[in-house]
Amino acid sequence: MATFSVIDAVQAPRPLRQSGRLKARMAEYERFVNGVKEGRVGKLHPSAGETARSVAVRVSRAGKRLGKAVDTWVVDGVVYFKLA
């Protein structure tokens, strides 16, 4: 079980900022989600070193950031997604 304590705000470390690479990747996936219109399906092939699951998670998270419900599914290692 986690250990809980309370400290003064000045003692807490500052929040970490997102790196430029992470910010760029998040924006890329947001463009993917925005690029799919109703009645259409996006299709993403994971690149070397990526898994279909990680790509699907990124698409889902991008949809949440944009306030859009996204359905994802994987067939033969390819990620498909549509707006719900």
Protein backbone atom coordinates (compact mmCIF):
# COMPACT_ATOMS: atom_id res chain seq x y z
CA MET A 1 0.00 0.00 0.00
CA ALA A 2 1.17 3.53 -0.72
CA THR A 3 2.47 5.74 2.08
CA PHE A 4 0.71 9.11 2.36
CA SER A 5 2.11 12.31 3.82
CA VAL A 6 1.53 16.05 3.50
CA ILE A 7 4.32 18.60 2.92
CA ASP A 8 4.51 22.36 2.40
CA ALA A 9 4.07 23.47 -1.21
CA VAL A 10 7.57 25.00 -1.27
CA GLN A 11 9.09 21.59 -0.45
CA ALA A 12 7.42 19.85 -3.40
CA PRO A 13 9.47 19.46 -6.62
CA ARG A 14 8.28 21.36 -9.67
CA PRO A 15 6.22 19.35 -12.20
CA LEU A 16 8.19 17.98 -15.13
CA ARG A 17 7.53 19.60 -18.47
CA GLN A 18 6.95 17.55 -21.59
CA SER A 19 9.93 17.16 -23.84
CA GLY A 20 9.83 18.58 -27.35
CA ARG A 21 9.79 15.09 -28.86
CA LEU A 22 6.83 14.01 -26.75
CA LYS A 23 4.93 17.18 -27.55
CA ALA A 24 5.57 16.67 -31.27
CA ARG A 25 4.38 13.05 -31.13
CA MET A 26 1.23 14.07 -29.25
CA ALA A 27 0.50 16.71 -31.89
CA GLU A 28 1.09 14.15 -34.65
CA TYR A 29 -1.50 11.76 -33.21
CA GLU A 30 -3.94 14.61 -32.67
CA ARG A 31 -3.57 15.41 -36.40
CA PHE A 32 -4.33 11.75 -37.18
CA VAL A 33 -7.54 11.87 -35.12
CA ASN A 34 -8.59 15.23 -36.60
CA GLY A 35 -7.91 13.86 -40.09
CA VAL A 36 -10.59 11.17 -39.81
CA LYS A 37 -14.10 12.38 -40.54
CA GLU A 38 -17.34 10.63 -39.66
CA GLY A 39 -17.90 7.53 -41.78
CA ARG A 40 -14.16 7.11 -42.42
CA VAL A 41 -11.53 4.93 -40.72
CA GLY A 42 -7.90 5.78 -39.98
CA LYS A 43 -5.25 3.11 -40.57
CA LEU A 44 -1.83 3.17 -38.91
CA HIS A 45 1.04 0.75 -39.50
CA PRO A 46 3.38 0.72 -36.48
CA SER A 47 6.96 1.53 -37.43
CA ALA A 48 9.99 -0.48 -36.35
CA GLY A 49 10.22 -0.63 -32.57
CA GLU A 50 6.55 0.21 -32.03
CA THR A 51 3.78 -2.16 -31.09
CA ALA A 52 0.23 -1.98 -32.36
CA ARG A 53 -0.93 -1.65 -28.77
CA SER A 54 1.25 1.42 -28.12
CA VAL A 55 -0.02 3.07 -31.32
CA ALA A 56 -3.63 2.31 -30.38
CA VAL A 57 -3.11 3.80 -26.91
CA ARG A 58 -1.63 6.98 -28.42
CA VAL A 59 -4.63 7.34 -30.74
CA SER A 60 -7.06 6.86 -27.85
CA ARG A 61 -5.24 9.40 -25.68
CA ALA A 62 -5.13 11.91 -28.54
CA GLY A 63 -8.89 11.52 -28.90
CA LYS A 64 -9.37 12.18 -25.19
CA ARG A 65 -7.21 15.31 -25.34
CA LEU A 66 -9.36 16.54 -28.22
CA GLY A 67 -12.63 15.63 -26.51
CA LYS A 68 -13.47 13.01 -29.14
CA ALA A 69 -14.45 9.41 -28.49
CA VAL A 70 -12.32 7.10 -30.63
CA ASP A 71 -12.79 3.38 -31.23
CA THR A 72 -9.58 1.48 -32.00
CA TRP A 73 -8.96 -2.08 -33.09
CA VAL A 74 -5.98 -4.07 -34.30
CA VAL A 75 -5.98 -6.59 -37.15
CA ASP A 76 -2.78 -8.31 -38.26
CA GLY A 77 -0.62 -5.73 -36.49
CA VAL A 78 -2.33 -2.74 -38.12
CA VAL A 79 -4.24 -0.21 -36.00
CA TYR A 80 -7.60 1.01 -37.25
CA PHE A 81 -9.61 3.76 -35.61
CA LYS A 82 -12.80 5.74 -36.11
CA LEU A 83 -14.71 8.41 -34.27
CA ALA A 84 -17.33 6.86 -32.02
